[in-house]
Amino acid sequence: MFVRDVTRALEEANVPYCVVGGLAVNLHGIPRTTFDVDIVVPRERAALAACRVALESIGLVCRLPVMLEALASETDEALLARNLIAVTFTDPSNPLREVDVLVTPPIPGADLVARSVVRASTELAVRVVSLPDLVAMKRASGREQDLADLRHLERLLPRSAS
């Protein structure tokens, strides 16, 4: 299972991360089809370097000619000016094995990771973005799929939080 491979590699490398995106929607209990794994890592040099090494250790390569950790010194404004929202790592032999590392999330990565929760099953423990943060991220995106996710996710929030 690809998700298990990704999370195990990140955990073994002590990468501070959390899963976001469609997989996070699933992990919060809303069925949603997705093939990639979206993660957030604090935009700090050591965390980004450890993330890159962990993803490379399971055979993924970065689609961009950039070292992930080089982005630690860039501002959100500079990254967004280059339309750099996520850096994709993919398996050259299987395009369905893909991880997007969000480098300009609407909420600072360190905050998302700090508030994340662990969802565990018999096979897998995954650090996933908190429900309120996932809702905020979906709201900020404004994309059609994210707005559809938002309608379902908001029903999971306590009345006072929505």
C-alpha atoms as a PDB file:
ATOM      1  CA  MET A   1       0.000   0.000   0.000  1.00  0.00           C
ATOM      2  CA  PHE A   2       1.543   3.268  -1.176  1.00  0.00           C
ATOM      3  CA  VAL A   3       0.229   5.383   1.714  1.00  0.00           C
ATOM      4  CA  ARG A   4       1.828   2.995   4.189  1.00  0.00           C
ATOM      5  CA  ASP A   5       5.151   3.230   2.319  1.00  0.00           C
ATOM      6  CA  VAL A   6       5.054   7.026   2.367  1.00  0.00           C
ATOM      7  CA  THR A   7       4.078   7.422   6.010  1.00  0.00           C
ATOM      8  CA  ARG A   8       6.508   4.737   7.177  1.00  0.00           C
ATOM      9  CA  ALA A   9       9.370   6.455   5.324  1.00  0.00           C
ATOM     10  CA  LEU A  10       8.436   9.832   6.822  1.00  0.00           C
ATOM     11  CA  GLU A  11       8.095   8.390  10.337  1.00  0.00           C
ATOM     12  CA  GLU A  12      11.389   6.482  10.128  1.00  0.00           C
ATOM     13  CA  ALA A  13      13.139   9.681   9.032  1.00  0.00           C
ATOM     14  CA  ASN A  14      11.485  11.654  11.878  1.00  0.00           C
ATOM     15  CA  VAL A  15       9.903  14.058   9.409  1.00  0.00           C
ATOM     16  CA  PRO A  16       7.302  16.354  10.985  1.00  0.00           C
ATOM     17  CA  TYR A  17       4.415  16.002   8.538  1.00  0.00           C
ATOM     18  CA  CYS A  18       0.687  15.660   8.191  1.00  0.00           C
ATOM     19  CA  VAL A  19      -1.498  14.355   5.405  1.00  0.00           C
ATOM     20  CA  VAL A  20      -3.817  16.898   3.777  1.00  0.00           C
ATOM     21  CA  GLY A  21      -5.984  16.897   0.638  1.00  0.00           C
ATOM     22  CA  GLY A  22      -8.234  14.100  -0.559  1.00  0.00           C
ATOM     23  CA  LEU A  23      -6.628  11.426   1.577  1.00  0.00           C
ATOM     24  CA  ALA A  24      -7.196  13.574   4.679  1.00  0.00           C
ATOM     25  CA  VAL A  25     -10.859  13.890   3.673  1.00  0.00           C
ATOM     26  CA  ASN A  26     -11.009  10.072   3.581  1.00  0.00           C
ATOM     27  CA  LEU A  27      -9.241   9.737   6.913  1.00  0.00           C
ATOM     28  CA  HIS A  28     -11.797  12.056   8.491  1.00  0.00           C
ATOM     29  CA  GLY A  29     -14.530   9.707   7.307  1.00  0.00           C
ATOM     30  CA  ILE A  30     -15.759  11.181   4.023  1.00  0.00           C
ATOM     31  CA  PRO A  31     -15.321   8.803   1.048  1.00  0.00           C
ATOM     32  CA  ARG A  32     -13.391  10.526  -1.723  1.00  0.00           C
ATOM     33  CA  THR A  33     -11.464   9.144  -4.683  1.00  0.00           C
ATOM     34  CA  THR A  34      -7.856  10.255  -4.881  1.00  0.00           C
ATOM     35  CA  PHE A  35      -4.658   8.629  -6.071  1.00  0.00           C
ATOM     36  CA  ASP A  36      -1.946  10.914  -4.747  1.00  0.00           C
ATOM     37  CA  VAL A  37      -0.795  11.649  -1.226  1.00  0.00           C
ATOM     38  CA  ASP A  38      -0.690  15.335  -0.275  1.00  0.00           C
ATOM     39  CA  ILE A  39       1.450  16.268   2.715  1.00  0.00           C
ATOM     40  CA  VAL A  40       2.576  19.358   4.555  1.00  0.00           C
ATOM     41  CA  VAL A  41       5.969  19.678   6.200  1.00  0.00           C
ATOM     42  CA  PRO A  42       7.136  22.785   8.049  1.00  0.00           C
ATOM     43  CA  ARG A  43       9.088  24.929   5.590  1.00  0.00           C
ATOM     44  CA  GLU A  44      12.316  24.539   7.519  1.00  0.00           C
ATOM     45  CA  ARG A  45      15.509  23.356   5.877  1.00  0.00           C
ATOM     46  CA  ALA A  46      16.050  20.249   8.054  1.00  0.00           C
ATOM     47  CA  ALA A  47      12.422  19.093   7.780  1.00  0.00           C
ATOM     48  CA  LEU A  48      12.332  19.582   4.007  1.00  0.00           C
ATOM     49  CA  ALA A  49      15.679  17.814   3.534  1.00  0.00           C
ATOM     50  CA  ALA A  50      14.535  14.869   5.654  1.00  0.00           C
ATOM     51  CA  CYS A  51      11.291  14.734   3.672  1.00  0.00           C
ATOM     52  CA  ARG A  52      13.148  14.693   0.350  1.00  0.00           C
ATOM     53  CA  VAL A  53      15.470  11.910   1.510  1.00  0.00           C
ATOM     54  CA  ALA A  54      12.529   9.873   2.883  1.00  0.00           C
ATOM     55  CA  LEU A  55      10.582  10.144  -0.374  1.00  0.00           C
ATOM     56  CA  GLU A  56      13.658   9.305  -2.439  1.00  0.00           C
ATOM     57  CA  SER A  57      14.229   6.243  -0.226  1.00  0.00           C
ATOM     58  CA  ILE A  58      10.988   4.723  -1.558  1.00  0.00           C
ATOM     59  CA  GLY A  59      11.896   5.387  -5.182  1.00  0.00           C
ATOM     60  CA  LEU A  60      10.236   8.752  -5.738  1.00  0.00           C
ATOM     61  CA  VAL A  61      11.911  11.547  -7.661  1.00  0.00           C
ATOM     62  CA  CYS A  62      11.150  15.235  -7.709  1.00  0.00           C
ATOM     63  CA  ARG A  63       9.525  16.481 -10.901  1.00  0.00           C
ATOM     64  CA  LEU A  64      11.205  19.868 -10.556  1.00  0.00           C
ATOM     65  CA  PRO A  65      14.922  20.542 -10.858  1.00  0.00           C
ATOM     66  CA  VAL A  66      15.067  21.815  -7.280  1.00  0.00           C
ATOM     67  CA  MET A  67      16.177  20.489  -3.923  1.00  0.00           C
ATOM     68  CA  LEU A  68      13.133  20.645  -1.674  1.00  0.00           C
ATOM     69  CA  GLU A  69      15.137  22.111   1.214  1.00  0.00           C
ATOM     70  CA  ALA A  70      16.217  25.053  -0.975  1.00  0.00           C
ATOM     71  CA  LEU A  71      12.646  26.355  -0.649  1.00  0.00           C
ATOM     72  CA  ALA A  72      13.043  26.902   3.100  1.00  0.00           C
ATOM     73  CA  SER A  73      14.605  30.312   2.578  1.00  0.00           C
ATOM     74  CA  GLU A  74      11.915  31.556   0.185  1.00  0.00           C
ATOM     75  CA  THR A  75       8.919  33.627   1.223  1.00  0.00           C
ATOM     76  CA  ASP A  76       5.337  32.649   0.453  1.00  0.00           C
ATOM     77  CA  GLU A  77       5.143  35.652  -1.855  1.00  0.00           C
ATOM     78  CA  ALA A  78       8.188  34.566  -3.868  1.00  0.00           C
ATOM     79  CA  LEU A  79       6.932  30.980  -4.165  1.00  0.00           C
ATOM     80  CA  LEU A  80       3.425  32.062  -5.133  1.00  0.00           C
ATOM     81  CA  ALA A  81       4.831  34.495  -7.702  1.00  0.00           C
ATOM     82  CA  ARG A  82       6.383  31.408  -9.341  1.00  0.00           C
ATOM     83  CA  ASN A  83       3.037  29.567  -8.936  1.00  0.00           C
ATOM     84  CA  LEU A  84       4.812  27.090  -6.663  1.00  0.00           C
ATOM     85  CA  ILE A  85       2.124  25.675  -4.397  1.00  0.00           C
ATOM     86  CA  ALA A  86       3.326  22.071  -4.249  1.00  0.00           C
ATOM     87  CA  VAL A  87       6.397  20.095  -5.208  1.00  0.00           C
ATOM     88  CA  THR A  88       5.543  16.712  -6.704  1.00  0.00           C
ATOM     89  CA  PHE A  89       7.528  13.536  -6.145  1.00  0.00           C
ATOM     90  CA  THR A  90       6.616  10.637  -8.408  1.00  0.00           C
ATOM     91  CA  ASP A  91       7.669   7.099  -9.237  1.00  0.00           C
ATOM     92  CA  PRO A  92       9.045   7.083 -12.815  1.00  0.00           C
ATOM     93  CA  SER A  93       7.812   3.505 -13.286  1.00  0.00           C
ATOM     94  CA  ASN A  94       4.316   4.076 -11.850  1.00  0.00           C
ATOM     95  CA  PRO A  95       2.682   7.510 -12.263  1.00  0.00           C
ATOM     96  CA  LEU A  96      -0.014   6.593  -9.708  1.00  0.00           C
ATOM     97  CA  ARG A  97       2.617   6.669  -6.958  1.00  0.00           C
ATOM     98  CA  GLU A  98       2.771  10.413  -6.374  1.00  0.00           C
ATOM     99  CA  VAL A  99       3.290  12.681  -3.382  1.00  0.00           C
ATOM    100  CA  ASP A 100       2.627  16.414  -3.419  1.00  0.00           C
ATOM    101  CA  VAL A 101       4.498  18.356  -0.746  1.00  0.00           C
ATOM    102  CA  LEU A 102       2.570  21.593  -0.221  1.00  0.00           C
ATOM    103  CA  VAL A 103       5.093  24.394   0.202  1.00  0.00           C
ATOM    104  CA  THR A 104       2.650  27.315   0.413  1.00  0.00           C
ATOM    105  CA  PRO A 105      -0.356  26.032   2.348  1.00  0.00           C
ATOM    106  CA  PRO A 106      -2.874  28.694   3.440  1.00  0.00           C
ATOM    107  CA  ILE A 107      -1.965  27.931   7.077  1.00  0.00           C
ATOM    108  CA  PRO A 108       1.714  27.671   8.077  1.00  0.00           C
ATOM    109  CA  GLY A 109       2.926  24.080   7.815  1.00  0.00           C
ATOM    110  CA  ALA A 110       4.367  24.064  11.333  1.00  0.00           C
ATOM    111  CA  ASP A 111       0.933  25.005  12.725  1.00  0.00           C
ATOM    112  CA  LEU A 112      -0.825  22.314  10.677  1.00  0.00           C
ATOM    113  CA  VAL A 113       1.619  19.662  11.877  1.00  0.00           C
ATOM    114  CA  ALA A 114       1.390  20.816  15.509  1.00  0.00           C
ATOM    115  CA  ARG A 115      -2.407  20.500  15.492  1.00  0.00           C
ATOM    116  CA  SER A 116      -2.544  17.286  13.461  1.00  0.00           C
ATOM    117  CA  VAL A 117      -4.062  14.071  14.791  1.00  0.00           C
ATOM    118  CA  VAL A 118      -3.098  10.426  14.387  1.00  0.00           C
ATOM    119  CA  ARG A 119      -5.541   8.097  12.660  1.00  0.00           C
ATOM    120  CA  ALA A 120      -4.575   4.472  13.272  1.00  0.00           C
ATOM    121  CA  SER A 121      -5.718   1.116  11.984  1.00  0.00           C
ATOM    122  CA  THR A 122      -4.237  -2.332  12.453  1.00  0.00           C
ATOM    123  CA  GLU A 123      -1.870  -1.750   9.525  1.00  0.00           C
ATOM    124  CA  LEU A 124      -1.209   1.938   9.560  1.00  0.00           C
ATOM    125  CA  ALA A 125      -0.878   5.052  11.686  1.00  0.00           C
ATOM    126  CA  VAL A 126      -1.121   8.298   9.750  1.00  0.00           C
ATOM    127  CA  ARG A 127      -0.642  11.846  10.980  1.00  0.00           C
ATOM    128  CA  VAL A 128      -3.508  13.803   9.415  1.00  0.00           C
ATOM    129  CA  VAL A 129      -4.423  17.484   9.440  1.00  0.00           C
ATOM    130  CA  SER A 130      -7.025  18.376  12.067  1.00  0.00           C
ATOM    131  CA  LEU A 131     -10.620  18.661  10.887  1.00  0.00           C
ATOM    132  CA  PRO A 132     -10.883  22.433  11.560  1.00  0.00           C
ATOM    133  CA  ASP A 133      -7.620  23.041   9.670  1.00  0.00           C
ATOM    134  CA  LEU A 134      -8.725  20.826   6.776  1.00  0.00           C
ATOM    135  CA  VAL A 135     -11.966  22.790   6.542  1.00  0.00           C
ATOM    136  CA  ALA A 136     -10.018  26.067   6.559  1.00  0.00           C
ATOM    137  CA  MET A 137      -7.675  24.789   3.840  1.00  0.00           C
ATOM    138  CA  LYS A 138     -10.572  23.643   1.654  1.00  0.00           C
ATOM    139  CA  ARG A 139     -12.348  26.969   2.163  1.00  0.00           C
ATOM    140  CA  ALA A 140      -9.189  28.905   1.205  1.00  0.00           C
ATOM    141  CA  SER A 141      -8.616  26.860  -1.951  1.00  0.00           C
ATOM    142  CA  GLY A 142     -11.922  27.641  -3.591  1.00  0.00           C
ATOM    143  CA  ARG A 143     -11.451  24.880  -6.197  1.00  0.00           C
ATOM    144  CA  GLU A 144     -14.639  23.053  -7.222  1.00  0.00           C
ATOM    145  CA  GLN A 145     -13.541  19.703  -5.715  1.00  0.00           C
ATOM    146  CA  ASP A 146     -12.463  21.398  -2.488  1.00  0.00           C
ATOM    147  CA  LEU A 147     -15.804  23.175  -2.179  1.00  0.00           C
ATOM    148  CA  ALA A 148     -17.582  19.827  -2.660  1.00  0.00           C
ATOM    149  CA  ASP A 149     -15.367  18.316   0.065  1.00  0.00           C
ATOM    150  CA  LEU A 150     -16.112  21.316   2.271  1.00  0.00           C
ATOM    151  CA  ARG A 151     -19.864  20.730   2.210  1.00  0.00           C
ATOM    152  CA  HIS A 152     -19.339  17.218   3.588  1.00  0.00           C
ATOM    153  CA  LEU A 153     -16.583  18.113   6.061  1.00  0.00           C
ATOM    154  CA  GLU A 154     -18.525  20.989   7.618  1.00  0.00           C
ATOM    155  CA  ARG A 155     -21.205  18.499   8.701  1.00  0.00           C
ATOM    156  CA  LEU A 156     -18.567  16.794  10.875  1.00  0.00           C
ATOM    157  CA  LEU A 157     -17.716  19.974  12.781  1.00  0.00           C
ATOM    158  CA  PRO A 158     -19.415  20.784  16.074  1.00  0.00           C
ATOM    159  CA  ARG A 159     -22.070  23.464  15.481  1.00  0.00           C
ATOM    160  CA  SER A 160     -20.026  26.157  17.248  1.00  0.00           C
ATOM    161  CA  ALA A 161     -16.946  25.522  15.043  1.00  0.00           C
ATOM    162  CA  SER A 162     -18.605  25.784  11.612  1.00  0.00           C
END
